[in-house]
């Protein structure tokens, strides 16, 4: 996947998955997230999504295999006490 697409996807995912939901509501209400904190959080999430997408689509085979192991571990051992995911209309 080309760099331009990776950059666009990471920003879109950050907005759709992270920014334009409960986090934005907290920010808008000044509950705990000021502008500086929001900028730090947005950049961190965007960087992490970009990294996962970059490895997934363009990484060396060894790195893709490591990512797959991490994803499988996270799916198996973390979030077990979370509620089942629900479909959220974002578009």
PDB file of N, CA and C in Angstrom:
ATOM      1  N   UNK A   1       0.851  -1.167   0.000  1.00  0.00           N
ATOM      2  CA  UNK A   1       0.000   0.000   0.000  1.00  0.00           C
ATOM      3  C   UNK A   1       0.896   1.229   0.000  1.00  0.00           C
ATOM      4  N   UNK A   2       0.557   2.208  -0.805  1.00  0.00           N
ATOM      5  CA  UNK A   2       1.426   3.379  -0.914  1.00  0.00           C
ATOM      6  C   UNK A   2       1.304   4.284   0.314  1.00  0.00           C
ATOM      7  N   UNK A   3       2.320   5.109   0.522  1.00  0.00           N
ATOM      8  CA  UNK A   3       2.417   5.987   1.694  1.00  0.00           C
ATOM      9  C   UNK A   3       1.236   6.939   1.809  1.00  0.00           C
ATOM     10  N   UNK A   4       0.807   7.504   0.707  1.00  0.00           N
ATOM     11  CA  UNK A   4      -0.311   8.456   0.726  1.00  0.00           C
ATOM     12  C   UNK A   4      -1.588   7.783   1.264  1.00  0.00           C
ATOM     13  N   UNK A   5      -1.850   6.561   0.833  1.00  0.00           N
ATOM     14  CA  UNK A   5      -3.024   5.825   1.291  1.00  0.00           C
ATOM     15  C   UNK A   5      -2.895   5.472   2.766  1.00  0.00           C
ATOM     16  N   UNK A   6      -1.709   5.034   3.195  1.00  0.00           N
ATOM     17  CA  UNK A   6      -1.485   4.720   4.606  1.00  0.00           C
ATOM     18  C   UNK A   6      -1.736   5.940   5.482  1.00  0.00           C
ATOM     19  N   UNK A   7      -1.232   7.093   5.068  1.00  0.00           N
ATOM     20  CA  UNK A   7      -1.435   8.325   5.835  1.00  0.00           C
ATOM     21  C   UNK A   7      -2.925   8.667   5.911  1.00  0.00           C
ATOM     22  N   UNK A   8      -3.609   8.567   4.789  1.00  0.00           N
ATOM     23  CA  UNK A   8      -5.037   8.896   4.756  1.00  0.00           C
ATOM     24  C   UNK A   8      -5.844   7.924   5.617  1.00  0.00           C
ATOM     25  N   UNK A   9      -5.549   6.632   5.508  1.00  0.00           N
ATOM     26  CA  UNK A   9      -6.269   5.637   6.304  1.00  0.00           C
ATOM     27  C   UNK A   9      -6.035   5.825   7.799  1.00  0.00           C
ATOM     28  N   UNK A  10      -4.799   6.076   8.188  1.00  0.00           N
ATOM     29  CA  UNK A  10      -4.521   6.222   9.619  1.00  0.00           C
ATOM     30  C   UNK A  10      -5.262   7.424  10.193  1.00  0.00           C
ATOM     31  N   UNK A  11      -5.319   8.520   9.452  1.00  0.00           N
ATOM     32  CA  UNK A  11      -6.057   9.692   9.930  1.00  0.00           C
ATOM     33  C   UNK A  11      -7.555   9.428   9.954  1.00  0.00           C
ATOM     34  N   UNK A  12      -8.064   8.796   8.921  1.00  0.00           N
ATOM     35  CA  UNK A  12      -9.503   8.490   8.880  1.00  0.00           C
ATOM     36  C   UNK A  12      -9.888   7.533  10.002  1.00  0.00           C
ATOM     37  N   UNK A  13      -9.087   6.492  10.225  1.00  0.00           N
ATOM     38  CA  UNK A  13      -9.371   5.557  11.308  1.00  0.00           C
ATOM     39  C   UNK A  13      -9.314   6.251  12.662  1.00  0.00           C
ATOM     40  N   UNK A  14      -8.328   7.125  12.846  1.00  0.00           N
ATOM     41  CA  UNK A  14      -8.216   7.866  14.100  1.00  0.00           C
ATOM     42  C   UNK A  14      -9.479   8.678  14.346  1.00  0.00           C
ATOM     43  N   UNK A  15      -9.942   9.355  13.315  1.00  0.00           N
ATOM     44  CA  UNK A  15     -11.156  10.162  13.457  1.00  0.00           C
ATOM     45  C   UNK A  15     -12.388   9.293  13.686  1.00  0.00           C
ATOM     46  N   UNK A  16     -12.573   8.285  12.857  1.00  0.00           N
ATOM     47  CA  UNK A  16     -13.778   7.467  12.930  1.00  0.00           C
ATOM     48  C   UNK A  16     -13.827   6.564  14.166  1.00  0.00           C
ATOM     49  N   UNK A  17     -12.683   6.046  14.565  1.00  0.00           N
ATOM     50  CA  UNK A  17     -12.651   5.073  15.647  1.00  0.00           C
ATOM     51  C   UNK A  17     -12.413   5.732  17.003  1.00  0.00           C
ATOM     52  N   UNK A  18     -11.580   6.734  17.049  1.00  0.00           N
ATOM     53  CA  UNK A  18     -11.164   7.301  18.330  1.00  0.00           C
ATOM     54  C   UNK A  18     -11.741   8.695  18.578  1.00  0.00           C
ATOM     55  N   UNK A  19     -11.449   9.609  17.713  1.00  0.00           N
ATOM     56  CA  UNK A  19     -11.708  11.030  17.964  1.00  0.00           C
ATOM     57  C   UNK A  19     -13.183  11.394  17.969  1.00  0.00           C
ATOM     58  N   UNK A  20     -13.941  10.893  17.021  1.00  0.00           N
ATOM     59  CA  UNK A  20     -15.328  11.333  16.864  1.00  0.00           C
ATOM     60  C   UNK A  20     -16.311  10.481  17.648  1.00  0.00           C
ATOM     61  N   UNK A  21     -16.011  10.232  18.889  1.00  0.00           N
ATOM     62  CA  UNK A  21     -16.892   9.431  19.735  1.00  0.00           C
ATOM     63  C   UNK A  21     -16.864   9.964  21.150  1.00  0.00           C
ATOM     64  N   UNK A  22     -16.748   9.055  22.103  1.00  0.00           N
ATOM     65  CA  UNK A  22     -16.767   9.427  23.508  1.00  0.00           C
ATOM     66  C   UNK A  22     -15.636  10.390  23.864  1.00  0.00           C
ATOM     67  N   UNK A  23     -14.493  10.228  23.223  1.00  0.00           N
ATOM     68  CA  UNK A  23     -13.366  11.108  23.512  1.00  0.00           C
ATOM     69  C   UNK A  23     -13.707  12.552  23.143  1.00  0.00           C
ATOM     70  N   UNK A  24     -14.341  12.747  22.000  1.00  0.00           N
ATOM     71  CA  UNK A  24     -14.740  14.097  21.605  1.00  0.00           C
ATOM     72  C   UNK A  24     -15.767  14.667  22.582  1.00  0.00           C
ATOM     73  N   UNK A  25     -16.673  13.838  23.050  1.00  0.00           N
ATOM     74  CA  UNK A  25     -17.660  14.308  24.021  1.00  0.00           C
ATOM     75  C   UNK A  25     -16.992  14.766  25.311  1.00  0.00           C
ATOM     76  N   UNK A  26     -15.984  14.025  25.761  1.00  0.00           N
ATOM     77  CA  UNK A  26     -15.228  14.432  26.947  1.00  0.00           C
ATOM     78  C   UNK A  26     -14.487  15.739  26.693  1.00  0.00           C
ATOM     79  N   UNK A  27     -13.891  15.846  25.542  1.00  0.00           N
ATOM     80  CA  UNK A  27     -13.151  17.060  25.188  1.00  0.00           C
ATOM     81  C   UNK A  27     -14.086  18.265  25.116  1.00  0.00           C
ATOM     82  N   UNK A  28     -15.215  18.095  24.475  1.00  0.00           N
ATOM     83  CA  UNK A  28     -16.165  19.197  24.307  1.00  0.00           C
ATOM     84  C   UNK A  28     -16.738  19.657  25.643  1.00  0.00           C
ATOM     85  N   UNK A  29     -16.846  18.740  26.584  1.00  0.00           N
ATOM     86  CA  UNK A  29     -17.409  19.106  27.887  1.00  0.00           C
ATOM     87  C   UNK A  29     -16.339  19.595  28.859  1.00  0.00           C
ATOM     88  N   UNK A  30     -15.111  19.665  28.411  1.00  0.00           N
ATOM     89  CA  UNK A  30     -13.982  20.061  29.260  1.00  0.00           C
ATOM     90  C   UNK A  30     -13.840  19.169  30.490  1.00  0.00           C
ATOM     91  N   UNK A  31     -14.337  17.943  30.386  1.00  0.00           N
ATOM     92  CA  UNK A  31     -14.322  17.032  31.529  1.00  0.00           C
ATOM     93  C   UNK A  31     -12.901  16.739  31.999  1.00  0.00           C
ATOM     94  N   UNK A  32     -12.028  16.426  31.085  1.00  0.00           N
ATOM     95  CA  UNK A  32     -10.669  16.078  31.493  1.00  0.00           C
ATOM     96  C   UNK A  32      -9.663  16.266  30.374  1.00  0.00           C
ATOM     97  N   UNK A  33     -10.131  16.604  29.191  1.00  0.00           N
ATOM     98  CA  UNK A  33      -9.245  16.623  28.030  1.00  0.00           C
ATOM     99  C   UNK A  33      -9.167  18.021  27.434  1.00  0.00           C
ATOM    100  N   UNK A  34      -8.089  18.712  27.757  1.00  0.00           N
ATOM    101  CA  UNK A  34      -7.891  20.039  27.169  1.00  0.00           C
ATOM    102  C   UNK A  34      -7.307  19.894  25.769  1.00  0.00           C
ATOM    103  N   UNK A  35      -7.137  20.993  25.056  1.00  0.00           N
ATOM    104  CA  UNK A  35      -6.653  20.956  23.674  1.00  0.00           C
ATOM    105  C   UNK A  35      -5.268  20.313  23.553  1.00  0.00           C
ATOM    106  N   UNK A  36      -4.392  20.599  24.490  1.00  0.00           N
ATOM    107  CA  UNK A  36      -3.036  20.028  24.442  1.00  0.00           C
ATOM    108  C   UNK A  36      -3.101  18.514  24.603  1.00  0.00           C
ATOM    109  N   UNK A  37      -3.885  18.056  25.556  1.00  0.00           N
ATOM    110  CA  UNK A  37      -4.033  16.613  25.780  1.00  0.00           C
ATOM    111  C   UNK A  37      -4.652  15.940  24.560  1.00  0.00           C
ATOM    112  N   UNK A  38      -5.674  16.573  23.976  1.00  0.00           N
ATOM    113  CA  UNK A  38      -6.307  16.011  22.776  1.00  0.00           C
ATOM    114  C   UNK A  38      -5.303  15.890  21.643  1.00  0.00           C
ATOM    115  N   UNK A  39      -4.462  16.885  21.469  1.00  0.00           N
ATOM    116  CA  UNK A  39      -3.464  16.835  20.393  1.00  0.00           C
ATOM    117  C   UNK A  39      -2.500  15.672  20.619  1.00  0.00           C
ATOM    118  N   UNK A  40      -2.076  15.483  21.856  1.00  0.00           N
ATOM    119  CA  UNK A  40      -1.168  14.381  22.189  1.00  0.00           C
ATOM    120  C   UNK A  40      -1.851  13.038  21.920  1.00  0.00           C
ATOM    121  N   UNK A  41      -3.090  12.886  22.376  1.00  0.00           N
ATOM    122  CA  UNK A  41      -3.821  11.636  22.172  1.00  0.00           C
ATOM    123  C   UNK A  41      -4.062  11.350  20.693  1.00  0.00           C
ATOM    124  N   UNK A  42      -4.508  12.355  19.947  1.00  0.00           N
ATOM    125  CA  UNK A  42      -4.765  12.163  18.516  1.00  0.00           C
ATOM    126  C   UNK A  42      -3.508  11.731  17.780  1.00  0.00           C
ATOM    127  N   UNK A  43      -2.397  12.374  18.078  1.00  0.00           N
ATOM    128  CA  UNK A  43      -1.142  12.030  17.406  1.00  0.00           C
ATOM    129  C   UNK A  43      -0.700  10.617  17.763  1.00  0.00           C
ATOM    130  N   UNK A  44      -0.800  10.256  19.030  1.00  0.00           N
ATOM    131  CA  UNK A  44      -0.389   8.920  19.452  1.00  0.00           C
ATOM    132  C   UNK A  44      -1.243   7.844  18.787  1.00  0.00           C
ATOM    133  N   UNK A  45      -2.560   8.014  18.793  1.00  0.00           N
ATOM    134  CA  UNK A  45      -3.444   7.036  18.171  1.00  0.00           C
ATOM    135  C   UNK A  45      -3.177   6.960  16.673  1.00  0.00           C
ATOM    136  N   UNK A  46      -3.048   8.107  16.023  1.00  0.00           N
ATOM    137  CA  UNK A  46      -2.771   8.135  14.590  1.00  0.00           C
ATOM    138  C   UNK A  46      -1.456   7.423  14.269  1.00  0.00           C
ATOM    139  N   UNK A  47      -0.416   7.675  15.053  1.00  0.00           N
ATOM    140  CA  UNK A  47       0.875   7.024  14.834  1.00  0.00           C
ATOM    141  C   UNK A  47       0.775   5.513  14.996  1.00  0.00           C
ATOM    142  N   UNK A  48       0.031   5.071  15.986  1.00  0.00           N
ATOM    143  CA  UNK A  48      -0.094   3.636  16.243  1.00  0.00           C
ATOM    144  C   UNK A  48      -0.890   2.942  15.144  1.00  0.00           C
ATOM    145  N   UNK A  49      -1.965   3.575  14.695  1.00  0.00           N
ATOM    146  CA  UNK A  49      -2.743   3.001  13.592  1.00  0.00           C
ATOM    147  C   UNK A  49      -1.889   2.965  12.328  1.00  0.00           C
ATOM    148  N   UNK A  50      -1.170   4.035  12.050  1.00  0.00           N
ATOM    149  CA  UNK A  50      -0.285   4.083  10.882  1.00  0.00           C
ATOM    150  C   UNK A  50       0.748   2.952  10.948  1.00  0.00           C
ATOM    151  N   UNK A  51       1.323   2.733  12.118  1.00  0.00           N
ATOM    152  CA  UNK A  51       2.339   1.700  12.279  1.00  0.00           C
ATOM    153  C   UNK A  51       1.759   0.316  12.007  1.00  0.00           C
ATOM    154  N   UNK A  52       0.582   0.029  12.581  1.00  0.00           N
ATOM    155  CA  UNK A  52      -0.052  -1.277  12.359  1.00  0.00           C
ATOM    156  C   UNK A  52      -0.361  -1.469  10.872  1.00  0.00           C
ATOM    157  N   UNK A  53      -0.948  -0.448  10.242  1.00  0.00           N
ATOM    158  CA  UNK A  53      -1.266  -0.556   8.815  1.00  0.00           C
ATOM    159  C   UNK A  53       0.000  -0.722   7.971  1.00  0.00           C
ATOM    160  N   UNK A  54       1.043   0.008   8.302  1.00  0.00           N
ATOM    161  CA  UNK A  54       2.304  -0.075   7.544  1.00  0.00           C
ATOM    162  C   UNK A  54       2.896  -1.473   7.622  1.00  0.00           C
ATOM    163  N   UNK A  55       2.898  -2.029   8.838  1.00  0.00           N
ATOM    164  CA  UNK A  55       3.426  -3.389   8.983  1.00  0.00           C
ATOM    165  C   UNK A  55       2.522  -4.377   8.256  1.00  0.00           C
ATOM    166  N   UNK A  56       1.228  -4.240   8.471  1.00  0.00           N
ATOM    167  CA  UNK A  56       0.262  -5.185   7.900  1.00  0.00           C
ATOM    168  C   UNK A  56       0.361  -5.248   6.377  1.00  0.00           C
ATOM    169  N   UNK A  57       0.439  -4.076   5.734  1.00  0.00           N
ATOM    170  CA  UNK A  57       0.409  -4.032   4.274  1.00  0.00           C
ATOM    171  C   UNK A  57       1.782  -4.013   3.616  1.00  0.00           C
ATOM    172  N   UNK A  58       2.792  -3.492   4.298  1.00  0.00           N
ATOM    173  CA  UNK A  58       4.095  -3.315   3.648  1.00  0.00           C
ATOM    174  C   UNK A  58       5.260  -3.905   4.426  1.00  0.00           C
ATOM    175  N   UNK A  59       4.995  -4.523   5.550  1.00  0.00           N
ATOM    176  CA  UNK A  59       6.073  -5.005   6.390  1.00  0.00           C
ATOM    177  C   UNK A  59       6.754  -6.238   5.824  1.00  0.00           C
ATOM    178  N   UNK A  60       7.950  -6.449   6.320  1.00  0.00           N
ATOM    179  CA  UNK A  60       8.669  -7.677   5.994  1.00  0.00           C
ATOM    180  C   UNK A  60       7.878  -8.849   6.570  1.00  0.00           C
ATOM    181  N   UNK A  61       8.005 -10.007   5.953  1.00  0.00           N
ATOM    182  CA  UNK A  61       7.240 -11.183   6.373  1.00  0.00           C
ATOM    183  C   UNK A  61       7.410 -11.457   7.863  1.00  0.00           C
ATOM    184  N   UNK A  62       8.616 -11.307   8.362  1.00  0.00           N
ATOM    185  CA  UNK A  62       8.887 -11.541   9.785  1.00  0.00           C
ATOM    186  C   UNK A  62       8.103 -10.563  10.661  1.00  0.00           C
ATOM    187  N   UNK A  63       8.035  -9.300  10.255  1.00  0.00           N
ATOM    188  CA  UNK A  63       7.302  -8.297  11.033  1.00  0.00           C
ATOM    189  C   UNK A  63       5.792  -8.536  10.978  1.00  0.00           C
ATOM    190  N   UNK A  64       5.288  -8.952   9.827  1.00  0.00           N
ATOM    191  CA  UNK A  64       3.862  -9.266   9.708  1.00  0.00           C
ATOM    192  C   UNK A  64       3.514 -10.444  10.619  1.00  0.00           C
ATOM    193  N   UNK A  65       4.373 -11.440  10.654  1.00  0.00           N
ATOM    194  CA  UNK A  65       4.134 -12.594  11.525  1.00  0.00           C
ATOM    195  C   UNK A  65       4.148 -12.183  12.994  1.00  0.00           C
ATOM    196  N   UNK A  66       5.076 -11.293  13.380  1.00  0.00           N
ATOM    197  CA  UNK A  66       5.112 -10.790  14.761  1.00  0.00           C
ATOM    198  C   UNK A  66       3.827 -10.034  15.081  1.00  0.00           C
ATOM    199  N   UNK A  67       3.384  -9.191  14.155  1.00  0.00           N
ATOM    200  CA  UNK A  67       2.150  -8.439  14.360  1.00  0.00           C
ATOM    201  C   UNK A  67       0.969  -9.388  14.529  1.00  0.00           C
ATOM    202  N   UNK A  68       0.890 -10.408  13.711  1.00  0.00           N
ATOM    203  CA  UNK A  68      -0.193 -11.378  13.819  1.00  0.00           C
ATOM    204  C   UNK A  68      -0.179 -12.073  15.179  1.00  0.00           C
ATOM    205  N   UNK A  69       1.012 -12.410  15.673  1.00  0.00           N
ATOM    206  CA  UNK A  69       1.107 -13.029  16.999  1.00  0.00           C
ATOM    207  C   UNK A  69       0.625 -12.069  18.085  1.00  0.00           C
ATOM    208  N   UNK A  70       1.009 -10.800  17.976  1.00  0.00           N
ATOM    209  CA  UNK A  70       0.570  -9.799  18.951  1.00  0.00           C
ATOM    210  C   UNK A  70      -0.946  -9.636  18.904  1.00  0.00           C
ATOM    211  N   UNK A  71      -1.506  -9.536  17.700  1.00  0.00           N
ATOM    212  CA  UNK A  71      -2.955  -9.377  17.562  1.00  0.00           C
ATOM    213  C   UNK A  71      -3.697 -10.573  18.145  1.00  0.00           C
ATOM    214  N   UNK A  72      -3.204 -11.773  17.873  1.00  0.00           N
ATOM    215  CA  UNK A  72      -3.827 -12.979  18.413  1.00  0.00           C
ATOM    216  C   UNK A  72      -3.730 -13.022  19.940  1.00  0.00           C
ATOM    217  N   UNK A  73      -2.588 -12.625  20.473  1.00  0.00           N
ATOM    218  CA  UNK A  73      -2.412 -12.578  21.931  1.00  0.00           C
ATOM    219  C   UNK A  73      -3.384 -11.579  22.548  1.00  0.00           C
ATOM    220  N   UNK A  74      -3.450 -10.383  21.980  1.00  0.00           N
ATOM    221  CA  UNK A  74      -4.349  -9.361  22.515  1.00  0.00           C
ATOM    222  C   UNK A  74      -5.803  -9.817  22.470  1.00  0.00           C
ATOM    223  N   UNK A  75      -6.184 -10.423  21.362  1.00  0.00           N
ATOM    224  CA  UNK A  75      -7.559 -10.892  21.221  1.00  0.00           C
ATOM    225  C   UNK A  75      -7.888 -11.988  22.236  1.00  0.00           C
ATOM    226  N   UNK A  76      -6.895 -12.805  22.546  1.00  0.00           N
ATOM    227  CA  UNK A  76      -7.136 -13.936  23.446  1.00  0.00           C
ATOM    228  C   UNK A  76      -7.095 -13.534  24.919  1.00  0.00           C
ATOM    229  N   UNK A  77      -6.206 -12.616  25.293  1.00  0.00           N
ATOM    230  CA  UNK A  77      -5.949 -12.363  26.709  1.00  0.00           C
ATOM    231  C   UNK A  77      -6.389 -10.995  27.224  1.00  0.00           C
ATOM    232  N   UNK A  78      -6.776 -10.104  26.358  1.00  0.00           N
ATOM    233  CA  UNK A  78      -7.178  -8.770  26.820  1.00  0.00           C
ATOM    234  C   UNK A  78      -8.584  -8.451  26.342  1.00  0.00           C
ATOM    235  N   UNK A  79      -9.286  -7.717  27.143  1.00  0.00           N
ATOM    236  CA  UNK A  79     -10.633  -7.320  26.781  1.00  0.00           C
ATOM    237  C   UNK A  79     -11.669  -8.392  26.998  1.00  0.00           C
ATOM    238  N   UNK A  80     -11.304  -9.445  27.705  1.00  0.00           N
ATOM    239  CA  UNK A  80     -12.246 -10.534  27.933  1.00  0.00           C
ATOM    240  C   UNK A  80     -13.450 -10.083  28.761  1.00  0.00           C
ATOM    241  N   UNK A  81     -13.245  -9.065  29.596  1.00  0.00           N
ATOM    242  CA  UNK A  81     -14.341  -8.579  30.426  1.00  0.00           C
ATOM    243  C   UNK A  81     -15.072  -7.387  29.791  1.00  0.00           C
ATOM    244  N   UNK A  82     -14.725  -7.059  28.555  1.00  0.00           N
ATOM    245  CA  UNK A  82     -15.411  -5.984  27.845  1.00  0.00           C
ATOM    246  C   UNK A  82     -16.770  -6.480  27.363  1.00  0.00           C
ATOM    247  N   UNK A  83     -17.695  -5.548  27.203  1.00  0.00           N
ATOM    248  CA  UNK A  83     -18.968  -5.889  26.578  1.00  0.00           C
ATOM    249  C   UNK A  83     -18.723  -6.273  25.126  1.00  0.00           C
ATOM    250  N   UNK A  84     -19.603  -7.062  24.573  1.00  0.00           N
ATOM    251  CA  UNK A  84     -19.519  -7.438  23.169  1.00  0.00           C
ATOM    252  C   UNK A  84     -19.622  -6.172  22.315  1.00  0.00           C
ATOM    253  N   UNK A  85     -18.803  -6.092  21.295  1.00  0.00           N
ATOM    254  CA  UNK A  85     -18.815  -4.921  20.406  1.00  0.00           C
ATOM    255  C   UNK A  85     -20.154  -4.809  19.691  1.00  0.00           C
ATOM    256  N   UNK A  86     -20.575  -3.581  19.469  1.00  0.00           N
ATOM    257  CA  UNK A  86     -21.825  -3.304  18.769  1.00  0.00           C
ATOM    258  C   UNK A  86     -21.524  -2.449  17.556  1.00  0.00           C
ATOM    259  N   UNK A  87     -22.341  -2.589  16.535  1.00  0.00           N
ATOM    260  CA  UNK A  87     -22.202  -1.788  15.322  1.00  0.00           C
ATOM    261  C   UNK A  87     -22.571  -0.344  15.653  1.00  0.00           C
ATOM    262  N   UNK A  88     -21.731   0.590  15.219  1.00  0.00           N
ATOM    263  CA  UNK A  88     -21.969   2.020  15.425  1.00  0.00           C
ATOM    264  C   UNK A  88     -22.000   2.694  14.061  1.00  0.00           C
ATOM    265  N   UNK A  89     -23.036   3.405  13.791  1.00  0.00           N
ATOM    266  CA  UNK A  89     -23.128   4.115  12.507  1.00  0.00           C
ATOM    267  C   UNK A  89     -22.187   5.308  12.543  1.00  0.00           C
ATOM    268  N   UNK A  90     -21.205   5.311  11.635  1.00  0.00           N
ATOM    269  CA  UNK A  90     -20.220   6.389  11.599  1.00  0.00           C
ATOM    270  C   UNK A  90     -20.289   7.184  10.291  1.00  0.00           C
ATOM    271  N   UNK A  91     -21.049   6.690   9.350  1.00  0.00           N
ATOM    272  CA  UNK A  91     -21.197   7.424   8.081  1.00  0.00           C
ATOM    273  C   UNK A  91     -22.657   7.490   7.693  1.00  0.00           C
TER     274      UNK A  91
END
